[in-house]
Amino acid sequence: MSIQRIHSNERLSGAVTFAGLVFLSGQVPGASSDIGGQTREVLEKIDTLLAEAGSDKDHLLSATIYLKDIQADFAVMNEVWSAWLSPGQAPARTTLQAALARPQILVEISVIAVRR
């Protein structure tokens, strides 16, 4: 079995597949400044990368969500997250507060999925 790396550079790969599993790096937003917009942007990126790797959100096994300010942003992020998920397809999930790479980033999400 071979390891497939998608959107790789010298530091990381956007996604890595092996043995039917898909591992996505933490995805961060681009232009949005509020938590709702940033969460939607990140989930769109996840949809795109999962599709490139032969998977989709209905095949998620696990998600880790990093919030800059869990007290301020947890509820809105959860609303967007819940609207994005298909009914009955919620993965195992951990949400935690973290100092993120740039001050304007409010949310980062990494996921593990299986291929379709």
PDB file of N, CA and C in Angstrom:
ATOM      1  N   MET A   1       0.837  -1.181   0.000  1.00  0.00           N
ATOM      2  CA  MET A   1       0.000   0.000   0.000  1.00  0.00           C
ATOM      3  C   MET A   1       0.874   1.234   0.000  1.00  0.00           C
ATOM      4  N   SER A   2       0.434   2.217  -0.741  1.00  0.00           N
ATOM      5  CA  SER A   2       1.225   3.441  -0.800  1.00  0.00           C
ATOM      6  C   SER A   2       0.499   4.584  -0.101  1.00  0.00           C
ATOM      7  N   ILE A   3       1.283   5.535   0.327  1.00  0.00           N
ATOM      8  CA  ILE A   3       0.765   6.751   0.941  1.00  0.00           C
ATOM      9  C   ILE A   3       0.597   7.777  -0.166  1.00  0.00           C
ATOM     10  N   GLN A   4      -0.572   8.418  -0.221  1.00  0.00           N
ATOM     11  CA  GLN A   4      -0.818   9.476  -1.198  1.00  0.00           C
ATOM     12  C   GLN A   4      -0.900  10.801  -0.449  1.00  0.00           C
ATOM     13  N   ARG A   5      -0.122  11.769  -0.910  1.00  0.00           N
ATOM     14  CA  ARG A   5      -0.124  13.104  -0.311  1.00  0.00           C
ATOM     15  C   ARG A   5      -0.741  14.086  -1.297  1.00  0.00           C
ATOM     16  N   ILE A   6      -1.651  14.908  -0.814  1.00  0.00           N
ATOM     17  CA  ILE A   6      -2.386  15.856  -1.652  1.00  0.00           C
ATOM     18  C   ILE A   6      -2.059  17.268  -1.187  1.00  0.00           C
ATOM     19  N   HIS A   7      -1.772  18.145  -2.134  1.00  0.00           N
ATOM     20  CA  HIS A   7      -1.425  19.549  -1.843  1.00  0.00           C
ATOM     21  C   HIS A   7      -0.293  19.631  -0.822  1.00  0.00           C
ATOM     22  N   SER A   8       0.835  19.043  -1.172  1.00  0.00           N
ATOM     23  CA  SER A   8       1.993  19.004  -0.276  1.00  0.00           C
ATOM     24  C   SER A   8       2.964  20.136  -0.566  1.00  0.00           C
ATOM     25  N   ASN A   9       3.639  20.569   0.473  1.00  0.00           N
ATOM     26  CA  ASN A   9       4.778  21.473   0.330  1.00  0.00           C
ATOM     27  C   ASN A   9       5.882  20.949   1.245  1.00  0.00           C
ATOM     28  N   GLU A  10       6.882  21.753   1.507  1.00  0.00           N
ATOM     29  CA  GLU A  10       8.013  21.277   2.306  1.00  0.00           C
ATOM     30  C   GLU A  10       7.652  21.044   3.778  1.00  0.00           C
ATOM     31  N   ARG A  11       6.520  21.609   4.253  1.00  0.00           N
ATOM     32  CA  ARG A  11       6.155  21.488   5.667  1.00  0.00           C
ATOM     33  C   ARG A  11       5.002  20.532   5.946  1.00  0.00           C
ATOM     34  N   LEU A  12       4.053  20.446   5.009  1.00  0.00           N
ATOM     35  CA  LEU A  12       2.853  19.666   5.310  1.00  0.00           C
ATOM     36  C   LEU A  12       2.112  19.281   4.044  1.00  0.00           C
ATOM     37  N   SER A  13       1.156  18.396   4.207  1.00  0.00           N
ATOM     38  CA  SER A  13       0.238  18.020   3.135  1.00  0.00           C
ATOM     39  C   SER A  13      -1.166  18.421   3.566  1.00  0.00           C
ATOM     40  N   GLY A  14      -1.953  18.897   2.625  1.00  0.00           N
ATOM     41  CA  GLY A  14      -3.340  19.231   2.934  1.00  0.00           C
ATOM     42  C   GLY A  14      -4.127  18.005   3.336  1.00  0.00           C
ATOM     43  N   ALA A  15      -3.814  16.890   2.683  1.00  0.00           N
ATOM     44  CA  ALA A  15      -4.452  15.614   3.000  1.00  0.00           C
ATOM     45  C   ALA A  15      -3.469  14.488   2.730  1.00  0.00           C
ATOM     46  N   VAL A  16      -3.621  13.411   3.476  1.00  0.00           N
ATOM     47  CA  VAL A  16      -2.823  12.203   3.273  1.00  0.00           C
ATOM     48  C   VAL A  16      -3.785  11.019   3.338  1.00  0.00           C
ATOM     49  N   THR A  17      -3.640  10.099   2.377  1.00  0.00           N
ATOM     50  CA  THR A  17      -4.469   8.893   2.398  1.00  0.00           C
ATOM     51  C   THR A  17      -3.584   7.661   2.528  1.00  0.00           C
ATOM     52  N   PHE A  18      -4.112   6.674   3.256  1.00  0.00           N
ATOM     53  CA  PHE A  18      -3.421   5.398   3.408  1.00  0.00           C
ATOM     54  C   PHE A  18      -4.433   4.361   3.883  1.00  0.00           C
ATOM     55  N   ALA A  19      -4.412   3.204   3.260  1.00  0.00           N
ATOM     56  CA  ALA A  19      -5.225   2.058   3.689  1.00  0.00           C
ATOM     57  C   ALA A  19      -6.695   2.420   3.883  1.00  0.00           C
ATOM     58  N   GLY A  20      -7.239   3.207   2.978  1.00  0.00           N
ATOM     59  CA  GLY A  20      -8.648   3.557   3.058  1.00  0.00           C
ATOM     60  C   GLY A  20      -8.979   4.682   4.010  1.00  0.00           C
ATOM     61  N   LEU A  21      -7.964   5.251   4.664  1.00  0.00           N
ATOM     62  CA  LEU A  21      -8.174   6.368   5.580  1.00  0.00           C
ATOM     63  C   LEU A  21      -7.728   7.671   4.939  1.00  0.00           C
ATOM     64  N   VAL A  22      -8.373   8.766   5.327  1.00  0.00           N
ATOM     65  CA  VAL A  22      -8.045  10.107   4.840  1.00  0.00           C
ATOM     66  C   VAL A  22      -7.792  10.992   6.057  1.00  0.00           C
ATOM     67  N   PHE A  23      -6.605  11.593   6.112  1.00  0.00           N
ATOM     68  CA  PHE A  23      -6.225  12.489   7.197  1.00  0.00           C
ATOM     69  C   PHE A  23      -6.076  13.896   6.627  1.00  0.00           C
ATOM     70  N   LEU A  24      -6.844  14.850   7.130  1.00  0.00           N
ATOM     71  CA  LEU A  24      -6.711  16.232   6.686  1.00  0.00           C
ATOM     72  C   LEU A  24      -5.941  17.042   7.714  1.00  0.00           C
ATOM     73  N   SER A  25      -5.046  17.896   7.228  1.00  0.00           N
ATOM     74  CA  SER A  25      -4.379  18.862   8.098  1.00  0.00           C
ATOM     75  C   SER A  25      -5.418  19.836   8.627  1.00  0.00           C
ATOM     76  N   GLY A  26      -5.067  20.552   9.664  1.00  0.00           N
ATOM     77  CA  GLY A  26      -5.960  21.584  10.172  1.00  0.00           C
ATOM     78  C   GLY A  26      -6.234  22.613   9.090  1.00  0.00           C
ATOM     79  N   GLN A  27      -7.511  22.869   8.837  1.00  0.00           N
ATOM     80  CA  GLN A  27      -7.918  23.835   7.822  1.00  0.00           C
ATOM     81  C   GLN A  27      -8.302  25.138   8.508  1.00  0.00           C
ATOM     82  N   VAL A  28      -7.844  26.249   7.932  1.00  0.00           N
ATOM     83  CA  VAL A  28      -8.111  27.569   8.492  1.00  0.00           C
ATOM     84  C   VAL A  28      -8.823  28.429   7.453  1.00  0.00           C
ATOM     85  N   PRO A  29      -9.513  29.475   7.906  1.00  0.00           N
ATOM     86  CA  PRO A  29     -10.260  30.333   6.989  1.00  0.00           C
ATOM     87  C   PRO A  29      -9.357  31.286   6.227  1.00  0.00           C
ATOM     88  N   GLY A  30      -9.948  31.915   5.218  1.00  0.00           N
ATOM     89  CA  GLY A  30      -9.219  32.899   4.431  1.00  0.00           C
ATOM     90  C   GLY A  30      -9.647  34.319   4.738  1.00  0.00           C
ATOM     91  N   ALA A  31     -10.839  34.711   4.294  1.00  0.00           N
ATOM     92  CA  ALA A  31     -11.219  36.116   4.310  1.00  0.00           C
ATOM     93  C   ALA A  31     -12.206  36.518   5.404  1.00  0.00           C
ATOM     94  N   SER A  32     -13.034  35.622   5.868  1.00  0.00           N
ATOM     95  CA  SER A  32     -14.079  35.991   6.829  1.00  0.00           C
ATOM     96  C   SER A  32     -13.483  36.446   8.151  1.00  0.00           C
ATOM     97  N   SER A  33     -14.189  37.376   8.804  1.00  0.00           N
ATOM     98  CA  SER A  33     -13.672  37.890  10.070  1.00  0.00           C
ATOM     99  C   SER A  33     -14.472  37.403  11.277  1.00  0.00           C
ATOM    100  N   ASP A  34     -15.696  36.873  11.069  1.00  0.00           N
ATOM    101  CA  ASP A  34     -16.501  36.407  12.201  1.00  0.00           C
ATOM    102  C   ASP A  34     -16.487  34.883  12.266  1.00  0.00           C
ATOM    103  N   ILE A  35     -16.851  34.337  13.419  1.00  0.00           N
ATOM    104  CA  ILE A  35     -16.749  32.892  13.629  1.00  0.00           C
ATOM    105  C   ILE A  35     -17.681  32.108  12.712  1.00  0.00           C
ATOM    106  N   GLY A  36     -18.865  32.616  12.441  1.00  0.00           N
ATOM    107  CA  GLY A  36     -19.774  31.911  11.543  1.00  0.00           C
ATOM    108  C   GLY A  36     -19.202  31.800  10.142  1.00  0.00           C
ATOM    109  N   GLY A  37     -18.730  32.914   9.614  1.00  0.00           N
ATOM    110  CA  GLY A  37     -18.134  32.919   8.278  1.00  0.00           C
ATOM    111  C   GLY A  37     -16.873  32.084   8.215  1.00  0.00           C
ATOM    112  N   GLN A  38     -16.040  32.186   9.239  1.00  0.00           N
ATOM    113  CA  GLN A  38     -14.804  31.401   9.248  1.00  0.00           C
ATOM    114  C   GLN A  38     -15.101  29.904   9.305  1.00  0.00           C
ATOM    115  N   THR A  39     -16.072  29.513  10.106  1.00  0.00           N
ATOM    116  CA  THR A  39     -16.416  28.089  10.191  1.00  0.00           C
ATOM    117  C   THR A  39     -16.937  27.587   8.852  1.00  0.00           C
ATOM    118  N   ARG A  40     -17.802  28.361   8.193  1.00  0.00           N
ATOM    119  CA  ARG A  40     -18.309  27.965   6.869  1.00  0.00           C
ATOM    120  C   ARG A  40     -17.169  27.819   5.867  1.00  0.00           C
ATOM    121  N   GLU A  41     -16.235  28.766   5.862  1.00  0.00           N
ATOM    122  CA  GLU A  41     -15.074  28.686   4.956  1.00  0.00           C
ATOM    123  C   GLU A  41     -14.266  27.411   5.196  1.00  0.00           C
ATOM    124  N   VAL A  42     -13.997  27.121   6.449  1.00  0.00           N
ATOM    125  CA  VAL A  42     -13.206  25.936   6.788  1.00  0.00           C
ATOM    126  C   VAL A  42     -13.939  24.666   6.347  1.00  0.00           C
ATOM    127  N   LEU A  43     -15.230  24.596   6.579  1.00  0.00           N
ATOM    128  CA  LEU A  43     -15.995  23.407   6.190  1.00  0.00           C
ATOM    129  C   LEU A  43     -16.045  23.246   4.673  1.00  0.00           C
ATOM    130  N   GLU A  44     -16.091  24.348   3.932  1.00  0.00           N
ATOM    131  CA  GLU A  44     -16.013  24.272   2.464  1.00  0.00           C
ATOM    132  C   GLU A  44     -14.662  23.705   2.031  1.00  0.00           C
ATOM    133  N   LYS A  45     -13.584  24.144   2.682  1.00  0.00           N
ATOM    134  CA  LYS A  45     -12.254  23.603   2.374  1.00  0.00           C
ATOM    135  C   LYS A  45     -12.195  22.109   2.679  1.00  0.00           C
ATOM    136  N   ILE A  46     -12.790  21.715   3.789  1.00  0.00           N
ATOM    137  CA  ILE A  46     -12.819  20.297   4.152  1.00  0.00           C
ATOM    138  C   ILE A  46     -13.585  19.500   3.105  1.00  0.00           C
ATOM    139  N   ASP A  47     -14.741  20.014   2.670  1.00  0.00           N
ATOM    140  CA  ASP A  47     -15.508  19.337   1.611  1.00  0.00           C
ATOM    141  C   ASP A  47     -14.655  19.126   0.364  1.00  0.00           C
ATOM    142  N   THR A  48     -13.937  20.159  -0.046  1.00  0.00           N
ATOM    143  CA  THR A  48     -13.114  20.093  -1.256  1.00  0.00           C
ATOM    144  C   THR A  48     -11.993  19.069  -1.117  1.00  0.00           C
ATOM    145  N   LEU A  49     -11.260  19.132  -0.008  1.00  0.00           N
ATOM    146  CA  LEU A  49     -10.151  18.191   0.198  1.00  0.00           C
ATOM    147  C   LEU A  49     -10.636  16.751   0.335  1.00  0.00           C
ATOM    148  N   LEU A  50     -11.730  16.557   1.043  1.00  0.00           N
ATOM    149  CA  LEU A  50     -12.268  15.202   1.165  1.00  0.00           C
ATOM    150  C   LEU A  50     -12.646  14.647  -0.204  1.00  0.00           C
ATOM    151  N   ALA A  51     -13.268  15.473  -1.043  1.00  0.00           N
ATOM    152  CA  ALA A  51     -13.642  15.025  -2.394  1.00  0.00           C
ATOM    153  C   ALA A  51     -12.403  14.643  -3.195  1.00  0.00           C
ATOM    154  N   GLU A  52     -11.352  15.457  -3.112  1.00  0.00           N
ATOM    155  CA  GLU A  52     -10.108  15.144  -3.824  1.00  0.00           C
ATOM    156  C   GLU A  52      -9.498  13.829  -3.345  1.00  0.00           C
ATOM    157  N   ALA A  53      -9.728  13.501  -2.079  1.00  0.00           N
ATOM    158  CA  ALA A  53      -9.160  12.280  -1.499  1.00  0.00           C
ATOM    159  C   ALA A  53     -10.103  11.079  -1.624  1.00  0.00           C
ATOM    160  N   GLY A  54     -11.265  11.278  -2.244  1.00  0.00           N
ATOM    161  CA  GLY A  54     -12.196  10.171  -2.433  1.00  0.00           C
ATOM    162  C   GLY A  54     -13.121   9.918  -1.259  1.00  0.00           C
ATOM    163  N   SER A  55     -13.445  10.973  -0.519  1.00  0.00           N
ATOM    164  CA  SER A  55     -14.320  10.835   0.639  1.00  0.00           C
ATOM    165  C   SER A  55     -15.304  11.996   0.677  1.00  0.00           C
ATOM    166  N   ASP A  56     -16.058  12.077   1.750  1.00  0.00           N
ATOM    167  CA  ASP A  56     -16.968  13.198   1.967  1.00  0.00           C
ATOM    168  C   ASP A  56     -17.329  13.267   3.447  1.00  0.00           C
ATOM    169  N   LYS A  57     -18.082  14.292   3.814  1.00  0.00           N
ATOM    170  CA  LYS A  57     -18.393  14.523   5.226  1.00  0.00           C
ATOM    171  C   LYS A  57     -19.201  13.396   5.862  1.00  0.00           C
ATOM    172  N   ASP A  58     -19.909  12.605   5.060  1.00  0.00           N
ATOM    173  CA  ASP A  58     -20.674  11.482   5.599  1.00  0.00           C
ATOM    174  C   ASP A  58     -19.792  10.297   5.975  1.00  0.00           C
ATOM    175  N   HIS A  59     -18.499  10.396   5.670  1.00  0.00           N
ATOM    176  CA  HIS A  59     -17.552   9.328   5.993  1.00  0.00           C
ATOM    177  C   HIS A  59     -16.525   9.761   7.044  1.00  0.00           C
ATOM    178  N   LEU A  60     -16.835  10.830   7.780  1.00  0.00           N
ATOM    179  CA  LEU A  60     -15.934  11.295   8.837  1.00  0.00           C
ATOM    180  C   LEU A  60     -15.923  10.314  10.003  1.00  0.00           C
ATOM    181  N   LEU A  61     -14.745  10.060  10.509  1.00  0.00           N
ATOM    182  CA  LEU A  61     -14.582   9.262  11.723  1.00  0.00           C
ATOM    183  C   LEU A  61     -14.378  10.153  12.937  1.00  0.00           C
ATOM    184  N   SER A  62     -13.585  11.217  12.748  1.00  0.00           N
ATOM    185  CA  SER A  62     -13.174  12.054  13.866  1.00  0.00           C
ATOM    186  C   SER A  62     -12.934  13.482  13.398  1.00  0.00           C
ATOM    187  N   ALA A  63     -13.209  14.436  14.285  1.00  0.00           N
ATOM    188  CA  ALA A  63     -12.917  15.847  14.017  1.00  0.00           C
ATOM    189  C   ALA A  63     -12.338  16.472  15.277  1.00  0.00           C
ATOM    190  N   THR A  64     -11.353  17.332  15.080  1.00  0.00           N
ATOM    191  CA  THR A  64     -10.807  18.132  16.174  1.00  0.00           C
ATOM    192  C   THR A  64     -10.972  19.588  15.783  1.00  0.00           C
ATOM    193  N   ILE A  65     -11.654  20.340  16.643  1.00  0.00           N
ATOM    194  CA  ILE A  65     -11.943  21.745  16.373  1.00  0.00           C
ATOM    195  C   ILE A  65     -11.201  22.590  17.399  1.00  0.00           C
ATOM    196  N   TYR A  66     -10.408  23.526  16.893  1.00  0.00           N
ATOM    197  CA  TYR A  66      -9.643  24.440  17.735  1.00  0.00           C
ATOM    198  C   TYR A  66     -10.286  25.817  17.636  1.00  0.00           C
ATOM    199  N   LEU A  67     -10.659  26.395  18.762  1.00  0.00           N
ATOM    200  CA  LEU A  67     -11.236  27.736  18.797  1.00  0.00           C
ATOM    201  C   LEU A  67     -10.303  28.677  19.547  1.00  0.00           C
ATOM    202  N   LYS A  68     -10.157  29.874  19.013  1.00  0.00           N
ATOM    203  CA  LYS A  68      -9.335  30.884  19.689  1.00  0.00           C
ATOM    204  C   LYS A  68      -9.975  31.274  21.022  1.00  0.00           C
ATOM    205  N   ASP A  69     -11.307  31.432  21.022  1.00  0.00           N
ATOM    206  CA  ASP A  69     -12.034  31.822  22.235  1.00  0.00           C
ATOM    207  C   ASP A  69     -13.267  30.938  22.369  1.00  0.00           C
ATOM    208  N   ILE A  70     -13.142  29.860  23.100  1.00  0.00           N
ATOM    209  CA  ILE A  70     -14.224  28.874  23.190  1.00  0.00           C
ATOM    210  C   ILE A  70     -15.470  29.462  23.852  1.00  0.00           C
ATOM    211  N   GLN A  71     -15.300  30.359  24.805  1.00  0.00           N
ATOM    212  CA  GLN A  71     -16.456  30.967  25.474  1.00  0.00           C
ATOM    213  C   GLN A  71     -17.269  31.828  24.514  1.00  0.00           C
ATOM    214  N   ALA A  72     -16.600  32.610  23.697  1.00  0.00           N
ATOM    215  CA  ALA A  72     -17.288  33.529  22.786  1.00  0.00           C
ATOM    216  C   ALA A  72     -17.821  32.841  21.535  1.00  0.00           C
ATOM    217  N   ASP A  73     -17.137  31.813  21.053  1.00  0.00           N
ATOM    218  CA  ASP A  73     -17.416  31.303  19.707  1.00  0.00           C
ATOM    219  C   ASP A  73     -18.027  29.908  19.631  1.00  0.00           C
ATOM    220  N   PHE A  74     -18.109  29.190  20.737  1.00  0.00           N
ATOM    221  CA  PHE A  74     -18.568  27.797  20.709  1.00  0.00           C
ATOM    222  C   PHE A  74     -19.984  27.653  20.147  1.00  0.00           C
ATOM    223  N   ALA A  75     -20.916  28.466  20.595  1.00  0.00           N
ATOM    224  CA  ALA A  75     -22.321  28.319  20.192  1.00  0.00           C
ATOM    225  C   ALA A  75     -22.511  28.558  18.696  1.00  0.00           C
ATOM    226  N   VAL A  76     -21.938  29.637  18.169  1.00  0.00           N
ATOM    227  CA  VAL A  76     -22.105  29.943  16.739  1.00  0.00           C
ATOM    228  C   VAL A  76     -21.398  28.898  15.886  1.00  0.00           C
ATOM    229  N   MET A  77     -20.190  28.513  16.276  1.00  0.00           N
ATOM    230  CA  MET A  77     -19.487  27.465  15.529  1.00  0.00           C
ATOM    231  C   MET A  77     -20.327  26.197  15.495  1.00  0.00           C
ATOM    232  N   ASN A  78     -20.926  25.823  16.619  1.00  0.00           N
ATOM    233  CA  ASN A  78     -21.759  24.622  16.688  1.00  0.00           C
ATOM    234  C   ASN A  78     -22.974  24.708  15.776  1.00  0.00           C
ATOM    235  N   GLU A  79     -23.586  25.882  15.668  1.00  0.00           N
ATOM    236  CA  GLU A  79     -24.728  26.062  14.762  1.00  0.00           C
ATOM    237  C   GLU A  79     -24.319  25.773  13.324  1.00  0.00           C
ATOM    238  N   VAL A  80     -23.201  26.343  12.896  1.00  0.00           N
ATOM    239  CA  VAL A  80     -22.719  26.142  11.527  1.00  0.00           C
ATOM    240  C   VAL A  80     -22.327  24.678  11.328  1.00  0.00           C
ATOM    241  N   TRP A  81     -21.620  24.112  12.279  1.00  0.00           N
ATOM    242  CA  TRP A  81     -21.200  22.707  12.215  1.00  0.00           C
ATOM    243  C   TRP A  81     -22.420  21.789  12.072  1.00  0.00           C
ATOM    244  N   SER A  82     -23.421  21.987  12.920  1.00  0.00           N
ATOM    245  CA  SER A  82     -24.615  21.134  12.899  1.00  0.00           C
ATOM    246  C   SER A  82     -25.377  21.255  11.591  1.00  0.00           C
ATOM    247  N   ALA A  83     -25.447  22.457  11.035  1.00  0.00           N
ATOM    248  CA  ALA A  83     -26.128  22.659   9.751  1.00  0.00           C
ATOM    249  C   ALA A  83     -25.375  21.962   8.619  1.00  0.00           C
ATOM    250  N   TRP A  84     -24.063  21.868   8.726  1.00  0.00           N
ATOM    251  CA  TRP A  84     -23.222  21.244   7.693  1.00  0.00           C
ATOM    252  C   TRP A  84     -23.321  19.726   7.714  1.00  0.00           C
ATOM    253  N   LEU A  85     -23.389  19.134   8.889  1.00  0.00           N
ATOM    254  CA  LEU A  85     -23.436  17.676   9.003  1.00  0.00           C
ATOM    255  C   LEU A  85     -24.737  17.113   8.446  1.00  0.00           C
ATOM    256  N   SER A  86     -24.653  15.945   7.846  1.00  0.00           N
ATOM    257  CA  SER A  86     -25.854  15.215   7.447  1.00  0.00           C
ATOM    258  C   SER A  86     -26.449  14.561   8.696  1.00  0.00           C
ATOM    259  N   PRO A  87     -27.779  14.465   8.779  1.00  0.00           N
ATOM    260  CA  PRO A  87     -28.396  13.839   9.953  1.00  0.00           C
ATOM    261  C   PRO A  87     -27.864  12.419  10.184  1.00  0.00           C
ATOM    262  N   GLY A  88     -27.540  12.133  11.434  1.00  0.00           N
ATOM    263  CA  GLY A  88     -27.070  10.809  11.805  1.00  0.00           C
ATOM    264  C   GLY A  88     -25.636  10.493  11.423  1.00  0.00           C
ATOM    265  N   GLN A  89     -24.876  11.492  10.958  1.00  0.00           N
ATOM    266  CA  GLN A  89     -23.511  11.249  10.477  1.00  0.00           C
ATOM    267  C   GLN A  89     -22.440  11.964  11.306  1.00  0.00           C
ATOM    268  N   ALA A  90     -22.749  12.329  12.537  1.00  0.00           N
ATOM    269  CA  ALA A  90     -21.773  13.053  13.363  1.00  0.00           C
ATOM    270  C   ALA A  90     -20.572  12.164  13.697  1.00  0.00           C
ATOM    271  N   PRO A  91     -19.353  12.687  13.520  1.00  0.00           N
ATOM    272  CA  PRO A  91     -18.154  11.926  13.879  1.00  0.00           C
ATOM    273  C   PRO A  91     -17.856  12.056  15.373  1.00  0.00           C
ATOM    274  N   ALA A  92     -16.904  11.277  15.849  1.00  0.00           N
ATOM    275  CA  ALA A  92     -16.335  11.548  17.168  1.00  0.00           C
ATOM    276  C   ALA A  92     -15.713  12.941  17.072  1.00  0.00           C
ATOM    277  N   ARG A  93     -15.823  13.745  18.138  1.00  0.00           N
ATOM    278  CA  ARG A  93     -15.353  15.126  18.029  1.00  0.00           C
ATOM    279  C   ARG A  93     -14.789  15.621  19.346  1.00  0.00           C
ATOM    280  N   THR A  94     -13.728  16.406  19.215  1.00  0.00           N
ATOM    281  CA  THR A  94     -13.149  17.124  20.345  1.00  0.00           C
ATOM    282  C   THR A  94     -13.084  18.592  19.967  1.00  0.00           C
ATOM    283  N   THR A  95     -13.477  19.463  20.888  1.00  0.00           N
ATOM    284  CA  THR A  95     -13.366  20.905  20.668  1.00  0.00           C
ATOM    285  C   THR A  95     -12.578  21.477  21.831  1.00  0.00           C
ATOM    286  N   LEU A  96     -11.580  22.300  21.500  1.00  0.00           N
ATOM    287  CA  LEU A  96     -10.763  22.886  22.551  1.00  0.00           C
ATOM    288  C   LEU A  96     -10.328  24.291  22.179  1.00  0.00           C
ATOM    289  N   GLN A  97      -9.901  25.020  23.182  1.00  0.00           N
ATOM    290  CA  GLN A  97      -9.388  26.368  22.966  1.00  0.00           C
ATOM    291  C   GLN A  97      -7.890  26.288  22.743  1.00  0.00           C
ATOM    292  N   ALA A  98      -7.410  27.092  21.776  1.00  0.00           N
ATOM    293  CA  ALA A  98      -5.980  27.061  21.457  1.00  0.00           C
ATOM    294  C   ALA A  98      -5.529  28.405  20.907  1.00  0.00           C
ATOM    295  N   ALA A  99      -4.261  28.723  21.117  1.00  0.00           N
ATOM    296  CA  ALA A  99      -3.642  29.859  20.441  1.00  0.00           C
ATOM    297  C   ALA A  99      -3.368  29.400  19.009  1.00  0.00           C
ATOM    298  N   LEU A 100      -3.930  30.087  18.032  1.00  0.00           N
ATOM    299  CA  LEU A 100      -3.801  29.674  16.636  1.00  0.00           C
ATOM    300  C   LEU A 100      -2.685  30.446  15.944  1.00  0.00           C
ATOM    301  N   ALA A 101      -2.360  30.057  14.719  1.00  0.00           N
ATOM    302  CA  ALA A 101      -1.159  30.535  14.026  1.00  0.00           C
ATOM    303  C   ALA A 101      -1.134  32.040  13.767  1.00  0.00           C
ATOM    304  N   ARG A 102      -2.297  32.622  13.492  1.00  0.00           N
ATOM    305  CA  ARG A 102      -2.372  34.064  13.242  1.00  0.00           C
ATOM    306  C   ARG A 102      -3.496  34.651  14.092  1.00  0.00           C
ATOM    307  N   PRO A 103      -3.364  35.879  14.546  1.00  0.00           N
ATOM    308  CA  PRO A 103      -4.361  36.443  15.466  1.00  0.00           C
ATOM    309  C   PRO A 103      -5.773  36.534  14.889  1.00  0.00           C
ATOM    310  N   GLN A 104      -5.908  36.662  13.581  1.00  0.00           N
ATOM    311  CA  GLN A 104      -7.237  36.797  12.983  1.00  0.00           C
ATOM    312  C   GLN A 104      -7.960  35.461  12.804  1.00  0.00           C
ATOM    313  N   ILE A 105      -7.266  34.350  12.984  1.00  0.00           N
ATOM    314  CA  ILE A 105      -7.891  33.028  12.853  1.00  0.00           C
ATOM    315  C   ILE A 105      -8.648  32.707  14.139  1.00  0.00           C
ATOM    316  N   LEU A 106      -9.950  32.427  13.989  1.00  0.00           N
ATOM    317  CA  LEU A 106     -10.799  32.103  15.130  1.00  0.00           C
ATOM    318  C   LEU A 106     -11.065  30.611  15.265  1.00  0.00           C
ATOM    319  N   VAL A 107     -10.908  29.854  14.153  1.00  0.00           N
ATOM    320  CA  VAL A 107     -11.221  28.427  14.168  1.00  0.00           C
ATOM    321  C   VAL A 107     -10.294  27.668  13.223  1.00  0.00           C
ATOM    322  N   GLU A 108      -9.920  26.476  13.615  1.00  0.00           N
ATOM    323  CA  GLU A 108      -9.166  25.547  12.774  1.00  0.00           C
ATOM    324  C   GLU A 108      -9.758  24.161  13.013  1.00  0.00           C
ATOM    325  N   ILE A 109      -9.949  23.400  11.931  1.00  0.00           N
ATOM    326  CA  ILE A 109     -10.558  22.072  12.057  1.00  0.00           C
ATOM    327  C   ILE A 109      -9.725  21.049  11.294  1.00  0.00           C
ATOM    328  N   SER A 110      -9.428  19.934  11.951  1.00  0.00           N
ATOM    329  CA  SER A 110      -8.789  18.800  11.276  1.00  0.00           C
ATOM    330  C   SER A 110      -9.723  17.598  11.397  1.00  0.00           C
ATOM    331  N   VAL A 111      -9.704  16.736  10.374  1.00  0.00           N
ATOM    332  CA  VAL A 111     -10.596  15.574  10.375  1.00  0.00           C
ATOM    333  C   VAL A 111      -9.876  14.326   9.886  1.00  0.00           C
ATOM    334  N   ILE A 112     -10.440  13.193  10.250  1.00  0.00           N
ATOM    335  CA  ILE A 112     -10.039  11.885   9.732  1.00  0.00           C
ATOM    336  C   ILE A 112     -11.299  11.245   9.171  1.00  0.00           C
ATOM    337  N   ALA A 113     -11.182  10.674   7.980  1.00  0.00           N
ATOM    338  CA  ALA A 113     -12.333  10.047   7.325  1.00  0.00           C
ATOM    339  C   ALA A 113     -11.904   8.733   6.686  1.00  0.00           C
ATOM    340  N   VAL A 114     -12.887   7.984   6.208  1.00  0.00           N
ATOM    341  CA  VAL A 114     -12.618   6.809   5.388  1.00  0.00           C
ATOM    342  C   VAL A 114     -13.012   7.149   3.957  1.00  0.00           C
ATOM    343  N   ARG A 115     -12.353   6.486   3.015  1.00  0.00           N
ATOM    344  CA  ARG A 115     -12.724   6.683   1.614  1.00  0.00           C
ATOM    345  C   ARG A 115     -14.090   6.062   1.361  1.00  0.00           C
ATOM    346  N   ARG A 116     -14.788   6.617   0.371  1.00  0.00           N
ATOM    347  CA  ARG A 116     -16.099   6.068  -0.027  1.00  0.00           C
ATOM    348  C   ARG A 116     -15.924   4.730  -0.680  1.00  0.00           C
TER     349      ARG A 116
END
